[in-house]
């Protein structure tokens, strides 16, 4: 029971962490207003 619960919770935690990471990267790109940084982020998000 515990094993299946752990497996089911892991993908959502990873997606939450990835979503937070994308927000941080986007805020950094806006902060620096660097075209190259934005291009790199867009490539990573696709």
N, C-alpha and C. Protein backbone atom coordinates (compact mmCIF):
# COMPACT_ATOMS: atom_id res chain seq x y z
N UNK A 1 0.85 -1.21 0.00
CA UNK A 1 0.00 0.00 0.00
C UNK A 1 0.88 1.25 0.00
N UNK A 2 1.84 1.29 0.90
CA UNK A 2 2.72 2.45 1.00
C UNK A 2 3.55 2.63 -0.26
N UNK A 3 3.98 1.50 -0.82
CA UNK A 3 4.81 1.56 -2.04
C UNK A 3 4.05 2.20 -3.20
N UNK A 4 2.78 1.80 -3.38
CA UNK A 4 1.99 2.35 -4.48
C UNK A 4 1.70 3.83 -4.24
N UNK A 5 1.45 4.21 -2.99
CA UNK A 5 1.19 5.62 -2.67
C UNK A 5 2.42 6.46 -3.00
N UNK A 6 3.59 5.95 -2.65
CA UNK A 6 4.83 6.67 -2.90
C UNK A 6 5.03 6.86 -4.40
N UNK A 7 4.75 5.80 -5.17
CA UNK A 7 4.92 5.87 -6.62
C UNK A 7 3.94 6.87 -7.24
N UNK A 8 2.73 6.91 -6.73
CA UNK A 8 1.72 7.82 -7.28
C UNK A 8 2.03 9.28 -6.93
N UNK A 9 2.67 9.52 -5.80
CA UNK A 9 2.95 10.88 -5.38
C UNK A 9 4.19 11.45 -6.06
N UNK A 10 5.11 10.59 -6.47
CA UNK A 10 6.37 11.07 -7.02
C UNK A 10 6.21 11.92 -8.28
N UNK A 11 5.45 11.49 -9.31
CA UNK A 11 5.33 12.30 -10.53
C UNK A 11 4.77 13.69 -10.26
N UNK A 12 3.77 13.81 -9.38
CA UNK A 12 3.18 15.12 -9.10
C UNK A 12 4.21 16.01 -8.40
N UNK A 13 5.02 15.45 -7.52
CA UNK A 13 6.05 16.25 -6.84
C UNK A 13 7.09 16.72 -7.83
N UNK A 14 7.45 15.85 -8.77
CA UNK A 14 8.44 16.22 -9.78
C UNK A 14 7.87 17.33 -10.67
N UNK A 15 6.61 17.20 -11.08
CA UNK A 15 5.99 18.21 -11.94
C UNK A 15 5.86 19.54 -11.19
N UNK A 16 5.57 19.50 -9.90
CA UNK A 16 5.48 20.72 -9.10
C UNK A 16 6.85 21.39 -9.04
N UNK A 17 7.89 20.60 -8.82
CA UNK A 17 9.24 21.15 -8.76
C UNK A 17 9.65 21.73 -10.11
N UNK A 18 9.30 21.05 -11.19
CA UNK A 18 9.61 21.52 -12.55
C UNK A 18 8.86 22.82 -12.83
N UNK A 19 7.59 22.90 -12.42
CA UNK A 19 6.80 24.12 -12.61
C UNK A 19 7.43 25.29 -11.87
N UNK A 20 7.88 25.05 -10.64
CA UNK A 20 8.53 26.09 -9.85
C UNK A 20 9.82 26.52 -10.53
N UNK A 21 10.58 25.55 -11.03
CA UNK A 21 11.84 25.86 -11.72
C UNK A 21 11.62 26.71 -12.95
N UNK A 22 10.55 26.42 -13.72
CA UNK A 22 10.26 27.21 -14.92
C UNK A 22 9.93 28.65 -14.53
N UNK A 23 9.17 28.84 -13.44
CA UNK A 23 8.82 30.19 -12.99
C UNK A 23 10.08 30.95 -12.59
N UNK A 24 10.99 30.28 -11.87
CA UNK A 24 12.23 30.92 -11.45
C UNK A 24 13.06 31.31 -12.66
N UNK A 25 13.18 30.42 -13.64
CA UNK A 25 13.95 30.72 -14.85
C UNK A 25 13.34 31.89 -15.60
N UNK A 26 12.00 31.90 -15.70
CA UNK A 26 11.32 32.97 -16.42
C UNK A 26 11.55 34.30 -15.71
N UNK A 27 11.46 34.32 -14.36
CA UNK A 27 11.71 35.54 -13.60
C UNK A 27 13.13 36.02 -13.81
N UNK A 28 14.09 35.11 -13.87
CA UNK A 28 15.48 35.47 -14.11
C UNK A 28 15.64 36.09 -15.49
N UNK A 29 14.97 35.52 -16.49
CA UNK A 29 15.09 36.05 -17.85
C UNK A 29 14.50 37.45 -17.92
N UNK A 30 13.40 37.69 -17.20
CA UNK A 30 12.80 39.02 -17.20
C UNK A 30 13.70 40.00 -16.44
N UNK A 31 14.32 39.50 -15.39
CA UNK A 31 15.18 40.35 -14.57
C UNK A 31 16.38 40.84 -15.37
N UNK A 32 17.02 39.92 -16.07
CA UNK A 32 18.22 40.27 -16.83
C UNK A 32 17.89 40.83 -18.22
N UNK A 33 16.64 40.58 -18.68
CA UNK A 33 16.22 41.03 -20.01
C UNK A 33 17.25 40.65 -21.07
N UNK A 34 17.69 39.41 -20.97
CA UNK A 34 18.70 38.91 -21.91
C UNK A 34 18.01 38.07 -22.97
N UNK A 35 18.14 38.49 -24.24
CA UNK A 35 17.52 37.73 -25.33
C UNK A 35 18.09 36.31 -25.39
N UNK A 36 19.38 36.19 -25.19
CA UNK A 36 19.99 34.86 -25.27
C UNK A 36 19.47 33.97 -24.16
N UNK A 37 19.28 34.51 -22.96
CA UNK A 37 18.79 33.71 -21.85
C UNK A 37 17.36 33.26 -22.13
N UNK A 38 16.55 34.17 -22.69
CA UNK A 38 15.16 33.82 -23.01
C UNK A 38 15.14 32.72 -24.07
N UNK A 39 16.02 32.83 -25.08
CA UNK A 39 16.08 31.80 -26.12
C UNK A 39 16.44 30.45 -25.52
N UNK A 40 17.40 30.45 -24.61
CA UNK A 40 17.81 29.19 -23.97
C UNK A 40 16.65 28.59 -23.20
N UNK A 41 15.93 29.42 -22.47
CA UNK A 41 14.80 28.92 -21.68
C UNK A 41 13.71 28.38 -22.60
N UNK A 42 13.42 29.11 -23.67
CA UNK A 42 12.38 28.63 -24.59
C UNK A 42 12.76 27.28 -25.18
N UNK A 43 14.03 27.11 -25.52
CA UNK A 43 14.48 25.82 -26.06
C UNK A 43 14.31 24.72 -25.02
N UNK A 44 14.59 25.04 -23.75
CA UNK A 44 14.47 24.05 -22.69
C UNK A 44 13.03 23.69 -22.39
N UNK A 45 12.12 24.64 -22.59
CA UNK A 45 10.71 24.40 -22.28
C UNK A 45 10.02 23.61 -23.37
N UNK A 46 10.49 23.70 -24.59
CA UNK A 46 9.83 23.01 -25.71
C UNK A 46 10.04 21.50 -25.60
